[in-house]
């Protein structure tokens, strides 16, 4: 890490805002993002910081999250204003900009899209999205398979991640924003052209 003092500041911030379990998850996502950044050639510092801060708004009162979503200058899908579990990503992007003075658009967008994804995702956004899905504390049914994909191929991992996410959300009857379908369609098209497709 280039600036250990800054990383310490961010860790202190989330430690004060999050439960022990969520703080541990944030550290795990930061570590997973760092590993993926090394593997796929992304900026390691940005990956660690975005992974560390991705859930900084997760445990804020819902009304406060929604207020940040409604006043956000970021591109917000109408569905995202109706789906409570999606608020924290947009709110988190606003918090890191306002409270932590992070102006880097790559970090802000990686935090903003870590839950829903979007079309034309940056390398950093892909890495943080995946890191959140495969972090050490995750224990859902297909997590081992997802971790395997993550070290084999970024495109394959992203395709499988969105396929899993859409199926899981649909089975739960959750709302799914258009940006998630945009991301899925892009990676599905890549996989159709790819010789590594199963």
N, C-alpha and C. Protein backbone atom coordinates (compact mmCIF):
# COMPACT_ATOMS: atom_id res chain seq x y z
N UNK A 1 0.85 -1.19 0.00
CA UNK A 1 0.00 0.00 0.00
C UNK A 1 0.88 1.25 0.00
N UNK A 2 0.51 2.20 -0.82
CA UNK A 2 1.35 3.39 -0.94
C UNK A 2 1.25 4.30 0.29
N UNK A 3 0.09 4.36 0.91
CA UNK A 3 -0.08 5.27 2.04
C UNK A 3 -0.77 4.55 3.20
N UNK A 4 0.05 3.98 4.08
CA UNK A 4 -0.48 3.19 5.19
C UNK A 4 -1.30 4.05 6.16
N UNK A 5 -0.92 5.33 6.26
CA UNK A 5 -1.65 6.24 7.16
C UNK A 5 -3.08 6.44 6.66
N UNK A 6 -3.23 6.58 5.34
CA UNK A 6 -4.54 6.77 4.73
C UNK A 6 -5.39 5.50 4.88
N UNK A 7 -4.78 4.35 4.65
CA UNK A 7 -5.48 3.08 4.82
C UNK A 7 -5.94 2.93 6.27
N UNK A 8 -5.08 3.33 7.21
CA UNK A 8 -5.43 3.30 8.63
C UNK A 8 -6.64 4.18 8.92
N UNK A 9 -6.68 5.33 8.29
CA UNK A 9 -7.81 6.26 8.46
C UNK A 9 -9.10 5.62 7.96
N UNK A 10 -9.03 4.98 6.80
CA UNK A 10 -10.23 4.34 6.24
C UNK A 10 -10.69 3.17 7.12
N UNK A 11 -9.73 2.41 7.62
CA UNK A 11 -10.08 1.27 8.50
C UNK A 11 -10.75 1.78 9.78
N UNK A 12 -10.23 2.85 10.34
CA UNK A 12 -10.82 3.44 11.55
C UNK A 12 -12.24 3.90 11.27
N UNK A 13 -12.43 4.52 10.11
CA UNK A 13 -13.76 5.02 9.72
C UNK A 13 -14.78 3.88 9.66
N UNK A 14 -14.45 2.80 8.94
CA UNK A 14 -15.44 1.72 8.81
C UNK A 14 -15.60 0.92 10.11
N UNK A 15 -14.55 0.86 10.89
CA UNK A 15 -14.65 0.16 12.19
C UNK A 15 -15.68 0.85 13.08
N UNK A 16 -15.75 2.17 12.98
CA UNK A 16 -16.71 2.94 13.78
C UNK A 16 -18.13 2.85 13.23
N UNK A 17 -18.24 2.58 11.93
CA UNK A 17 -19.55 2.59 11.27
C UNK A 17 -20.18 1.21 11.12
N UNK A 18 -19.38 0.15 11.22
CA UNK A 18 -19.86 -1.19 10.91
C UNK A 18 -19.76 -2.14 12.11
N UNK A 19 -20.59 -3.17 12.08
CA UNK A 19 -20.50 -4.23 13.07
C UNK A 19 -19.19 -4.99 12.84
N UNK A 20 -18.80 -5.78 13.84
CA UNK A 20 -17.56 -6.56 13.72
C UNK A 20 -17.61 -7.50 12.51
N UNK A 21 -18.76 -8.13 12.30
CA UNK A 21 -18.93 -9.06 11.18
C UNK A 21 -18.77 -8.34 9.83
N UNK A 22 -19.39 -7.17 9.71
CA UNK A 22 -19.32 -6.42 8.45
C UNK A 22 -17.93 -5.83 8.25
N UNK A 23 -17.27 -5.43 9.33
CA UNK A 23 -15.90 -4.93 9.24
C UNK A 23 -14.98 -6.05 8.74
N UNK A 24 -15.13 -7.25 9.30
CA UNK A 24 -14.32 -8.40 8.87
C UNK A 24 -14.56 -8.69 7.39
N UNK A 25 -15.84 -8.64 6.98
CA UNK A 25 -16.17 -8.83 5.56
C UNK A 25 -15.46 -7.80 4.70
N UNK A 26 -15.45 -6.56 5.13
CA UNK A 26 -14.80 -5.48 4.37
C UNK A 26 -13.30 -5.72 4.21
N UNK A 27 -12.65 -6.17 5.28
CA UNK A 27 -11.22 -6.51 5.22
C UNK A 27 -11.00 -7.67 4.25
N UNK A 28 -11.87 -8.67 4.32
CA UNK A 28 -11.76 -9.83 3.42
C UNK A 28 -11.95 -9.45 1.96
N UNK A 29 -12.89 -8.56 1.70
CA UNK A 29 -13.12 -8.10 0.32
C UNK A 29 -11.92 -7.30 -0.17
N UNK A 30 -11.36 -6.46 0.69
CA UNK A 30 -10.16 -5.69 0.32
C UNK A 30 -9.02 -6.63 -0.05
N UNK A 31 -8.83 -7.68 0.75
CA UNK A 31 -7.76 -8.65 0.47
C UNK A 31 -8.01 -9.42 -0.82
N UNK A 32 -9.28 -9.82 -1.05
CA UNK A 32 -9.63 -10.53 -2.28
C UNK A 32 -9.44 -9.62 -3.50
N UNK A 33 -9.82 -8.35 -3.35
CA UNK A 33 -9.67 -7.38 -4.45
C UNK A 33 -8.19 -7.16 -4.77
N UNK A 34 -7.37 -7.11 -3.74
CA UNK A 34 -5.92 -6.95 -3.94
C UNK A 34 -5.35 -8.14 -4.72
N UNK A 35 -5.75 -9.35 -4.35
CA UNK A 35 -5.28 -10.55 -5.06
C UNK A 35 -5.72 -10.55 -6.52
N UNK A 36 -6.98 -10.19 -6.76
CA UNK A 36 -7.49 -10.15 -8.13
C UNK A 36 -6.81 -9.05 -8.94
N UNK A 37 -6.53 -7.92 -8.30
CA UNK A 37 -5.82 -6.83 -8.98
C UNK A 37 -4.43 -7.29 -9.42
N UNK A 38 -3.75 -8.03 -8.55
CA UNK A 38 -2.42 -8.55 -8.91
C UNK A 38 -2.52 -9.53 -10.07
N UNK A 39 -3.56 -10.35 -10.05
CA UNK A 39 -3.73 -11.37 -11.09
C UNK A 39 -4.07 -10.74 -12.45
N UNK A 40 -4.92 -9.71 -12.43
CA UNK A 40 -5.44 -9.17 -13.69
C UNK A 40 -4.90 -7.79 -14.07
N UNK A 41 -3.93 -7.30 -13.30
CA UNK A 41 -3.23 -6.07 -13.70
C UNK A 41 -3.97 -4.78 -13.41
N UNK A 42 -4.79 -4.78 -12.39
CA UNK A 42 -5.47 -3.53 -11.99
C UNK A 42 -4.62 -2.81 -10.95
N UNK A 43 -4.97 -1.56 -10.67
CA UNK A 43 -4.26 -0.78 -9.67
C UNK A 43 -4.51 -1.39 -8.28
N UNK A 44 -3.46 -1.85 -7.64
CA UNK A 44 -3.60 -2.58 -6.37
C UNK A 44 -4.11 -1.70 -5.23
N UNK A 45 -3.63 -0.47 -5.17
CA UNK A 45 -4.07 0.44 -4.10
C UNK A 45 -5.55 0.76 -4.23
N UNK A 46 -5.98 1.07 -5.46
CA UNK A 46 -7.40 1.39 -5.69
C UNK A 46 -8.28 0.18 -5.38
N UNK A 47 -7.82 -1.00 -5.77
CA UNK A 47 -8.60 -2.22 -5.52
C UNK A 47 -8.77 -2.44 -4.02
N UNK A 48 -7.69 -2.28 -3.27
CA UNK A 48 -7.75 -2.48 -1.82
C UNK A 48 -8.69 -1.46 -1.17
N UNK A 49 -8.54 -0.20 -1.56
CA UNK A 49 -9.36 0.87 -0.97
C UNK A 49 -10.84 0.69 -1.30
N UNK A 50 -11.14 0.42 -2.57
CA UNK A 50 -12.55 0.23 -2.97
C UNK A 50 -13.14 -1.00 -2.28
N UNK A 51 -12.35 -2.07 -2.17
CA UNK A 51 -12.82 -3.26 -1.47
C UNK A 51 -13.07 -2.98 0.01
N UNK A 52 -12.18 -2.24 0.60
CA UNK A 52 -12.28 -1.90 2.03
C UNK A 52 -13.53 -1.08 2.32
N UNK A 53 -13.84 -0.13 1.43
CA UNK A 53 -14.91 0.83 1.68
C UNK A 53 -16.24 0.47 1.02
N UNK A 54 -16.30 -0.64 0.29
CA UNK A 54 -17.49 -0.92 -0.53
C UNK A 54 -18.79 -0.97 0.27
N UNK A 55 -18.75 -1.40 1.52
CA UNK A 55 -19.95 -1.52 2.35
C UNK A 55 -20.03 -0.45 3.44
N UNK A 56 -19.35 0.66 3.26
CA UNK A 56 -19.27 1.67 4.34
C UNK A 56 -20.64 2.20 4.75
N UNK A 57 -21.64 2.13 3.84
CA UNK A 57 -22.98 2.65 4.17
C UNK A 57 -23.97 1.54 4.53
N UNK A 58 -23.50 0.30 4.55
CA UNK A 58 -24.39 -0.86 4.69
C UNK A 58 -25.25 -0.83 5.96
N UNK A 59 -24.71 -0.32 7.04
CA UNK A 59 -25.45 -0.35 8.31
C UNK A 59 -25.97 1.02 8.75
N UNK A 60 -25.97 1.96 7.81
CA UNK A 60 -26.62 3.26 8.07
C UNK A 60 -28.13 3.05 8.14
N UNK A 61 -28.86 3.88 8.87
CA UNK A 61 -30.33 3.79 8.83
C UNK A 61 -30.82 3.90 7.38
N UNK A 62 -31.81 3.10 7.04
CA UNK A 62 -32.33 3.03 5.67
C UNK A 62 -32.76 4.39 5.15
N UNK A 63 -33.40 5.19 6.00
CA UNK A 63 -33.87 6.52 5.56
C UNK A 63 -32.69 7.39 5.13
N UNK A 64 -31.58 7.29 5.86
CA UNK A 64 -30.38 8.06 5.51
C UNK A 64 -29.77 7.57 4.20
N UNK A 65 -29.77 6.25 4.02
CA UNK A 65 -29.28 5.70 2.75
C UNK A 65 -30.13 6.21 1.59
N UNK A 66 -31.45 6.14 1.75
CA UNK A 66 -32.35 6.56 0.68
C UNK A 66 -32.19 8.05 0.36
N UNK A 67 -31.98 8.85 1.38
CA UNK A 67 -31.77 10.29 1.16
C UNK A 67 -30.54 10.51 0.27
N UNK A 68 -29.46 9.76 0.54
CA UNK A 68 -28.25 9.87 -0.28
C UNK A 68 -28.50 9.38 -1.70
N UNK A 69 -29.27 8.31 -1.84
CA UNK A 69 -29.60 7.77 -3.17
C UNK A 69 -30.38 8.82 -3.97
N UNK A 70 -31.38 9.42 -3.33
CA UNK A 70 -32.24 10.38 -4.03
C UNK A 70 -31.51 11.66 -4.45
N UNK A 71 -30.48 12.02 -3.68
CA UNK A 71 -29.74 13.25 -3.98
C UNK A 71 -28.44 12.98 -4.74
N UNK A 72 -28.21 11.73 -5.09
CA UNK A 72 -26.95 11.37 -5.75
C UNK A 72 -26.87 11.97 -7.15
N UNK A 73 -25.67 12.40 -7.50
CA UNK A 73 -25.41 12.89 -8.85
C UNK A 73 -25.03 11.74 -9.80
N UNK A 74 -24.90 10.54 -9.22
CA UNK A 74 -24.57 9.37 -10.02
C UNK A 74 -25.81 8.91 -10.79
N UNK A 75 -25.59 8.09 -11.80
CA UNK A 75 -26.69 7.55 -12.59
C UNK A 75 -27.41 6.51 -11.73
N UNK A 76 -28.66 6.79 -11.36
CA UNK A 76 -29.43 5.89 -10.50
C UNK A 76 -30.68 5.42 -11.23
N UNK A 77 -30.80 4.10 -11.38
CA UNK A 77 -31.96 3.48 -12.00
C UNK A 77 -33.17 3.65 -11.08
N UNK A 78 -34.33 3.89 -11.65
CA UNK A 78 -35.55 4.05 -10.87
C UNK A 78 -35.80 2.84 -9.96
N UNK A 79 -35.46 1.66 -10.44
CA UNK A 79 -35.64 0.43 -9.64
C UNK A 79 -34.79 0.48 -8.38
N UNK A 80 -33.61 1.10 -8.47
CA UNK A 80 -32.72 1.17 -7.31
C UNK A 80 -33.29 2.03 -6.18
N UNK A 81 -34.21 2.92 -6.50
CA UNK A 81 -34.85 3.73 -5.46
C UNK A 81 -35.98 2.98 -4.78
N UNK A 82 -36.32 1.80 -5.33
CA UNK A 82 -37.42 1.00 -4.78
C UNK A 82 -36.93 -0.28 -4.09
N UNK A 83 -35.64 -0.57 -4.19
CA UNK A 83 -35.10 -1.82 -3.66
C UNK A 83 -34.12 -1.52 -2.52
N UNK A 84 -34.57 -1.66 -1.30
CA UNK A 84 -33.77 -1.33 -0.11
C UNK A 84 -32.37 -1.94 -0.10
N UNK A 85 -32.19 -3.24 -0.49
CA UNK A 85 -30.85 -3.82 -0.43
C UNK A 85 -29.83 -3.17 -1.38
N UNK A 86 -30.34 -2.37 -2.32
CA UNK A 86 -29.44 -1.75 -3.30
C UNK A 86 -28.98 -0.35 -2.89
N UNK A 87 -29.62 0.24 -1.89
CA UNK A 87 -29.30 1.62 -1.49
C UNK A 87 -27.83 1.79 -1.10
N UNK A 88 -27.30 0.82 -0.35
CA UNK A 88 -26.01 1.05 0.32
C UNK A 88 -24.85 1.29 -0.65
N UNK A 89 -24.94 0.74 -1.86
CA UNK A 89 -23.84 0.91 -2.81
C UNK A 89 -23.77 2.36 -3.31
N UNK A 90 -24.93 2.91 -3.63
CA UNK A 90 -24.99 4.31 -4.09
C UNK A 90 -24.65 5.25 -2.93
N UNK A 91 -25.25 4.96 -1.77
CA UNK A 91 -24.98 5.78 -0.58
C UNK A 91 -23.50 5.72 -0.22
N UNK A 92 -22.90 4.54 -0.32
CA UNK A 92 -21.48 4.38 -0.02
C UNK A 92 -20.60 5.20 -0.95
N UNK A 93 -20.95 5.22 -2.23
CA UNK A 93 -20.17 6.02 -3.20
C UNK A 93 -20.24 7.50 -2.84
N UNK A 94 -21.42 7.94 -2.37
CA UNK A 94 -21.57 9.35 -1.97
C UNK A 94 -20.79 9.64 -0.69
N UNK A 95 -20.79 8.69 0.24
CA UNK A 95 -20.09 8.88 1.51
C UNK A 95 -18.58 8.98 1.32
N UNK A 96 -18.01 8.10 0.50
CA UNK A 96 -16.54 8.15 0.34
C UNK A 96 -16.11 9.47 -0.30
N UNK A 97 -16.99 10.01 -1.13
CA UNK A 97 -16.67 11.29 -1.77
C UNK A 97 -16.78 12.44 -0.76
N UNK A 98 -17.86 12.44 0.01
CA UNK A 98 -18.12 13.55 0.93
C UNK A 98 -17.35 13.44 2.24
N UNK A 99 -17.40 12.27 2.88
CA UNK A 99 -16.82 12.12 4.22
C UNK A 99 -15.34 11.78 4.19
N UNK A 100 -14.91 11.07 3.14
CA UNK A 100 -13.50 10.63 3.09
C UNK A 100 -12.69 11.34 2.01
N UNK A 101 -13.34 12.27 1.31
CA UNK A 101 -12.66 13.11 0.32
C UNK A 101 -11.96 12.29 -0.78
N UNK A 102 -12.59 11.18 -1.17
CA UNK A 102 -12.05 10.38 -2.28
C UNK A 102 -12.71 10.88 -3.56
N UNK A 103 -11.90 11.37 -4.47
CA UNK A 103 -12.44 11.95 -5.71
C UNK A 103 -12.21 11.04 -6.92
N UNK A 104 -11.45 9.98 -6.75
CA UNK A 104 -11.12 9.10 -7.87
C UNK A 104 -12.38 8.44 -8.43
N UNK A 105 -12.76 8.75 -9.69
CA UNK A 105 -14.02 8.20 -10.23
C UNK A 105 -14.01 6.68 -10.33
N UNK A 106 -12.85 6.09 -10.52
CA UNK A 106 -12.74 4.63 -10.63
C UNK A 106 -13.13 3.95 -9.31
N UNK A 107 -12.65 4.51 -8.20
CA UNK A 107 -13.00 3.97 -6.87
C UNK A 107 -14.49 4.22 -6.57
N UNK A 108 -14.95 5.43 -6.86
CA UNK A 108 -16.35 5.78 -6.60
C UNK A 108 -17.30 4.85 -7.37
N UNK A 109 -17.00 4.63 -8.66
CA UNK A 109 -17.88 3.77 -9.47
C UNK A 109 -17.77 2.29 -9.08
N UNK A 110 -16.60 1.86 -8.65
CA UNK A 110 -16.44 0.46 -8.19
C UNK A 110 -17.32 0.22 -6.96
N UNK A 111 -17.39 1.19 -6.07
CA UNK A 111 -18.25 1.08 -4.90
C UNK A 111 -19.72 1.17 -5.31
N UNK A 112 -20.01 2.12 -6.18
CA UNK A 112 -21.39 2.33 -6.62
C UNK A 112 -21.98 1.08 -7.30
N UNK A 113 -21.17 0.37 -8.10
CA UNK A 113 -21.70 -0.77 -8.87
C UNK A 113 -21.35 -2.14 -8.29
N UNK A 114 -20.86 -2.19 -7.04
CA UNK A 114 -20.42 -3.49 -6.52
C UNK A 114 -21.57 -4.46 -6.25
N UNK A 115 -22.80 -3.96 -6.22
CA UNK A 115 -23.95 -4.83 -5.97
C UNK A 115 -24.70 -5.19 -7.25
N UNK A 116 -24.88 -4.22 -8.13
CA UNK A 116 -25.73 -4.44 -9.32
C UNK A 116 -24.95 -4.63 -10.61
N UNK A 117 -23.69 -4.15 -10.65
CA UNK A 117 -22.95 -4.19 -11.90
C UNK A 117 -23.52 -3.18 -12.89
N UNK A 118 -22.92 -3.13 -14.08
CA UNK A 118 -23.40 -2.22 -15.13
C UNK A 118 -22.71 -2.60 -16.44
N UNK A 119 -23.20 -2.03 -17.53
CA UNK A 119 -22.54 -2.22 -18.80
C UNK A 119 -21.21 -1.50 -18.81
N UNK A 120 -20.28 -1.98 -19.60
CA UNK A 120 -18.95 -1.36 -19.74
C UNK A 120 -18.26 -1.14 -18.39
N UNK A 121 -18.29 -2.15 -17.53
CA UNK A 121 -17.65 -2.03 -16.22
C UNK A 121 -16.14 -1.89 -16.38
N UNK A 122 -15.55 -1.01 -15.59
CA UNK A 122 -14.09 -0.89 -15.59
C UNK A 122 -13.48 -2.15 -14.97
N UNK A 123 -12.20 -2.33 -15.21
CA UNK A 123 -11.50 -3.47 -14.61
C UNK A 123 -11.62 -3.43 -13.09
N UNK A 124 -11.46 -2.25 -12.50
CA UNK A 124 -11.57 -2.13 -11.04
C UNK A 124 -12.97 -2.50 -10.55
N UNK A 125 -14.00 -2.05 -11.26
CA UNK A 125 -15.37 -2.37 -10.86
C UNK A 125 -15.62 -3.87 -10.92
N UNK A 126 -15.10 -4.53 -11.95
CA UNK A 126 -15.24 -5.98 -12.06
C UNK A 126 -14.57 -6.68 -10.88
N UNK A 127 -13.39 -6.22 -10.54
CA UNK A 127 -12.61 -6.84 -9.46
C UNK A 127 -13.31 -6.70 -8.11
N UNK A 128 -13.86 -5.52 -7.83
CA UNK A 128 -14.54 -5.32 -6.55
C UNK A 128 -15.85 -6.11 -6.51
N UNK A 129 -16.56 -6.16 -7.63
CA UNK A 129 -17.79 -6.96 -7.72
C UNK A 129 -17.49 -8.42 -7.39
N UNK A 130 -16.46 -8.96 -8.02
CA UNK A 130 -16.08 -10.36 -7.79
C UNK A 130 -15.55 -10.60 -6.39
N UNK A 131 -14.70 -9.68 -5.92
CA UNK A 131 -14.11 -9.82 -4.58
C UNK A 131 -15.20 -9.92 -3.51
N UNK A 132 -16.27 -9.14 -3.68
CA UNK A 132 -17.39 -9.18 -2.75
C UNK A 132 -18.07 -10.55 -2.76
N UNK A 133 -18.08 -11.17 -3.93
CA UNK A 133 -18.75 -12.47 -4.10
C UNK A 133 -17.92 -13.64 -3.58
N UNK A 134 -16.60 -13.50 -3.63
CA UNK A 134 -15.73 -14.65 -3.30
C UNK A 134 -14.92 -14.45 -2.02
N UNK A 135 -15.18 -13.39 -1.27
CA UNK A 135 -14.36 -13.11 -0.08
C UNK A 135 -14.40 -14.29 0.89
N UNK A 136 -13.38 -14.35 1.71
CA UNK A 136 -13.15 -15.49 2.61
C UNK A 136 -14.35 -15.86 3.48
N UNK A 137 -15.14 -14.88 3.86
CA UNK A 137 -16.27 -15.13 4.76
C UNK A 137 -17.53 -15.64 4.05
N UNK A 138 -17.53 -15.62 2.72
CA UNK A 138 -18.71 -16.08 1.98
C UNK A 138 -18.84 -17.61 2.08
N UNK A 139 -20.08 -18.07 2.24
CA UNK A 139 -20.26 -19.52 2.38
C UNK A 139 -21.50 -20.05 1.66
N UNK A 140 -21.97 -19.32 0.65
CA UNK A 140 -23.14 -19.80 -0.10
C UNK A 140 -22.76 -21.05 -0.92
N UNK A 141 -23.75 -21.74 -1.43
CA UNK A 141 -23.59 -23.06 -2.03
C UNK A 141 -22.50 -23.14 -3.12
N UNK A 142 -22.47 -22.19 -4.03
CA UNK A 142 -21.54 -22.28 -5.16
C UNK A 142 -20.28 -21.43 -5.02
N UNK A 143 -19.96 -21.01 -3.79
CA UNK A 143 -18.83 -20.09 -3.62
C UNK A 143 -17.50 -20.71 -4.05
N UNK A 144 -17.30 -22.00 -3.83
CA UNK A 144 -16.04 -22.63 -4.23
C UNK A 144 -15.89 -22.61 -5.75
N UNK A 145 -16.98 -22.86 -6.43
CA UNK A 145 -16.98 -22.81 -7.89
C UNK A 145 -16.67 -21.40 -8.38
N UNK A 146 -17.26 -20.40 -7.70
CA UNK A 146 -17.05 -19.00 -8.08
C UNK A 146 -15.59 -18.59 -7.85
N UNK A 147 -15.00 -19.08 -6.76
CA UNK A 147 -13.58 -18.77 -6.50
C UNK A 147 -12.69 -19.39 -7.56
N UNK A 148 -13.06 -20.56 -8.02
CA UNK A 148 -12.29 -21.24 -9.07
C UNK A 148 -12.36 -20.43 -10.38
N UNK A 149 -13.56 -19.99 -10.73
CA UNK A 149 -13.71 -19.17 -11.94
C UNK A 149 -12.88 -17.89 -11.84
N UNK A 150 -12.85 -17.30 -10.64
CA UNK A 150 -12.17 -16.01 -10.45
C UNK A 150 -10.68 -16.08 -10.73
N UNK A 151 -10.07 -17.25 -10.52
CA UNK A 151 -8.63 -17.37 -10.81
C UNK A 151 -8.37 -17.92 -12.21
N UNK A 152 -9.41 -18.44 -12.86
CA UNK A 152 -9.25 -18.98 -14.22
C UNK A 152 -9.34 -17.89 -15.28
N UNK A 153 -10.41 -17.09 -15.18
CA UNK A 153 -10.69 -16.09 -16.22
C UNK A 153 -11.63 -15.04 -15.68
N UNK A 154 -11.28 -13.78 -15.85
CA UNK A 154 -12.12 -12.70 -15.35
C UNK A 154 -13.45 -12.66 -16.10
N UNK A 155 -13.42 -12.80 -17.41
CA UNK A 155 -14.65 -12.78 -18.20
C UNK A 155 -15.59 -13.92 -17.80
N UNK A 156 -15.04 -15.11 -17.67
CA UNK A 156 -15.84 -16.28 -17.27
C UNK A 156 -16.42 -16.06 -15.86
N UNK A 157 -15.60 -15.56 -14.96
CA UNK A 157 -16.05 -15.32 -13.59
C UNK A 157 -17.18 -14.29 -13.56
N UNK A 158 -17.05 -13.22 -14.32
CA UNK A 158 -18.08 -12.18 -14.35
C UNK A 158 -19.37 -12.72 -14.97
N UNK A 159 -19.25 -13.49 -16.02
CA UNK A 159 -20.43 -14.10 -16.65
C UNK A 159 -21.16 -14.98 -15.63
N UNK A 160 -20.42 -15.84 -14.97
CA UNK A 160 -21.02 -16.75 -13.98
C UNK A 160 -21.58 -15.98 -12.79
N UNK A 161 -20.91 -14.91 -12.40
CA UNK A 161 -21.37 -14.10 -11.27
C UNK A 161 -22.72 -13.46 -11.57
N UNK A 162 -22.87 -12.90 -12.77
CA UNK A 162 -24.15 -12.26 -13.13
C UNK A 162 -25.24 -13.30 -13.37
N UNK A 163 -24.86 -14.43 -13.92
CA UNK A 163 -25.84 -15.50 -14.11
C UNK A 163 -26.38 -15.95 -12.73
N UNK A 164 -25.48 -16.12 -11.80
CA UNK A 164 -25.85 -16.51 -10.43
C UNK A 164 -26.71 -15.43 -9.77
N UNK A 165 -26.28 -14.17 -9.90
CA UNK A 165 -26.96 -13.05 -9.24
C UNK A 165 -28.39 -12.88 -9.76
N UNK A 166 -28.57 -12.93 -11.07
CA UNK A 166 -29.90 -12.76 -11.66
C UNK A 166 -30.82 -13.90 -11.27
N UNK A 167 -30.30 -15.13 -11.33
CA UNK A 167 -31.10 -16.30 -10.95
C UNK A 167 -31.52 -16.21 -9.48
N UNK A 168 -30.55 -15.89 -8.61
CA UNK A 168 -30.81 -15.78 -7.18
C UNK A 168 -31.85 -14.69 -6.88
N UNK A 169 -31.68 -13.53 -7.51
CA UNK A 169 -32.62 -12.42 -7.30
C UNK A 169 -34.01 -12.77 -7.80
N UNK A 170 -34.08 -13.41 -8.96
CA UNK A 170 -35.38 -13.79 -9.53
C UNK A 170 -36.09 -14.80 -8.64
N UNK A 171 -35.33 -15.76 -8.13
CA UNK A 171 -35.93 -16.78 -7.25
C UNK A 171 -36.48 -16.18 -5.96
N UNK A 172 -35.84 -15.09 -5.50
CA UNK A 172 -36.30 -14.42 -4.28
C UNK A 172 -37.39 -13.38 -4.56
N UNK A 173 -37.68 -13.18 -5.85
CA UNK A 173 -38.69 -12.19 -6.22
C UNK A 173 -38.22 -10.76 -6.07
N UNK A 174 -36.90 -10.55 -6.11
CA UNK A 174 -36.34 -9.21 -5.96
C UNK A 174 -36.39 -8.42 -7.26
N UNK A 175 -36.40 -7.11 -7.14
CA UNK A 175 -36.30 -6.25 -8.33
C UNK A 175 -34.87 -6.30 -8.86
N UNK A 176 -34.72 -6.27 -10.18
CA UNK A 176 -33.40 -6.31 -10.80
C UNK A 176 -33.26 -5.10 -11.72
N UNK A 177 -32.29 -4.22 -11.45
CA UNK A 177 -32.14 -3.04 -12.31
C UNK A 177 -31.60 -3.38 -13.69
N UNK A 178 -31.87 -2.51 -14.63
CA UNK A 178 -31.45 -2.70 -16.02
C UNK A 178 -29.93 -2.85 -16.12
N UNK A 179 -29.19 -2.14 -15.28
CA UNK A 179 -27.72 -2.19 -15.37
C UNK A 179 -27.18 -3.61 -15.17
N UNK A 180 -27.88 -4.41 -14.36
CA UNK A 180 -27.45 -5.80 -14.12
C UNK A 180 -27.62 -6.62 -15.39
N UNK A 181 -28.75 -6.42 -16.09
CA UNK A 181 -28.96 -7.13 -17.36
C UNK A 181 -27.96 -6.67 -18.42
N UNK A 182 -27.64 -5.37 -18.41
CA UNK A 182 -26.64 -4.85 -19.35
C UNK A 182 -25.30 -5.55 -19.15
N UNK A 183 -24.91 -5.69 -17.89
CA UNK A 183 -23.65 -6.36 -17.57
C UNK A 183 -23.69 -7.83 -17.99
N UNK A 184 -24.77 -8.50 -17.63
CA UNK A 184 -24.90 -9.92 -17.99
C UNK A 184 -24.81 -10.11 -19.51
N UNK A 185 -25.54 -9.30 -20.25
CA UNK A 185 -25.55 -9.43 -21.72
C UNK A 185 -24.17 -9.22 -22.32
N UNK A 186 -23.43 -8.26 -21.77
CA UNK A 186 -22.06 -8.03 -22.28
C UNK A 186 -21.17 -9.24 -22.05
N UNK A 187 -21.20 -9.80 -20.84
CA UNK A 187 -20.34 -10.95 -20.56
C UNK A 187 -20.83 -12.22 -21.24
N UNK A 188 -22.16 -12.34 -21.42
CA UNK A 188 -22.69 -13.49 -22.17
C UNK A 188 -22.21 -13.44 -23.61
N UNK A 189 -22.19 -12.24 -24.20
CA UNK A 189 -21.72 -12.09 -25.58
C UNK A 189 -20.23 -12.43 -25.68
N UNK A 190 -19.44 -12.01 -24.69
CA UNK A 190 -18.00 -12.34 -24.65
C UNK A 190 -17.82 -13.86 -24.59
N UNK A 191 -18.61 -14.51 -23.74
CA UNK A 191 -18.48 -15.96 -23.58
C UNK A 191 -18.88 -16.71 -24.84
N UNK A 192 -19.85 -16.19 -25.58
CA UNK A 192 -20.27 -16.84 -26.83
C UNK A 192 -19.14 -16.81 -27.87
N UNK A 193 -18.32 -15.77 -27.79
CA UNK A 193 -17.19 -15.64 -28.73
C UNK A 193 -15.95 -16.35 -28.23
N UNK A 194 -15.96 -16.79 -26.96
CA UNK A 194 -14.73 -17.26 -26.32
C UNK A 194 -14.53 -18.76 -26.49
N UNK A 195 -13.28 -19.19 -26.83
CA UNK A 195 -12.99 -20.61 -26.95
C UNK A 195 -13.01 -21.35 -25.61
N UNK A 196 -12.93 -20.58 -24.49
CA UNK A 196 -12.90 -21.23 -23.18
C UNK A 196 -14.30 -21.53 -22.64
N UNK A 197 -15.32 -21.20 -23.44
CA UNK A 197 -16.70 -21.44 -22.99
C UNK A 197 -16.95 -22.91 -22.78
N UNK A 198 -17.63 -23.23 -21.70
CA UNK A 198 -17.94 -24.64 -21.42
C UNK A 198 -19.20 -25.05 -22.17
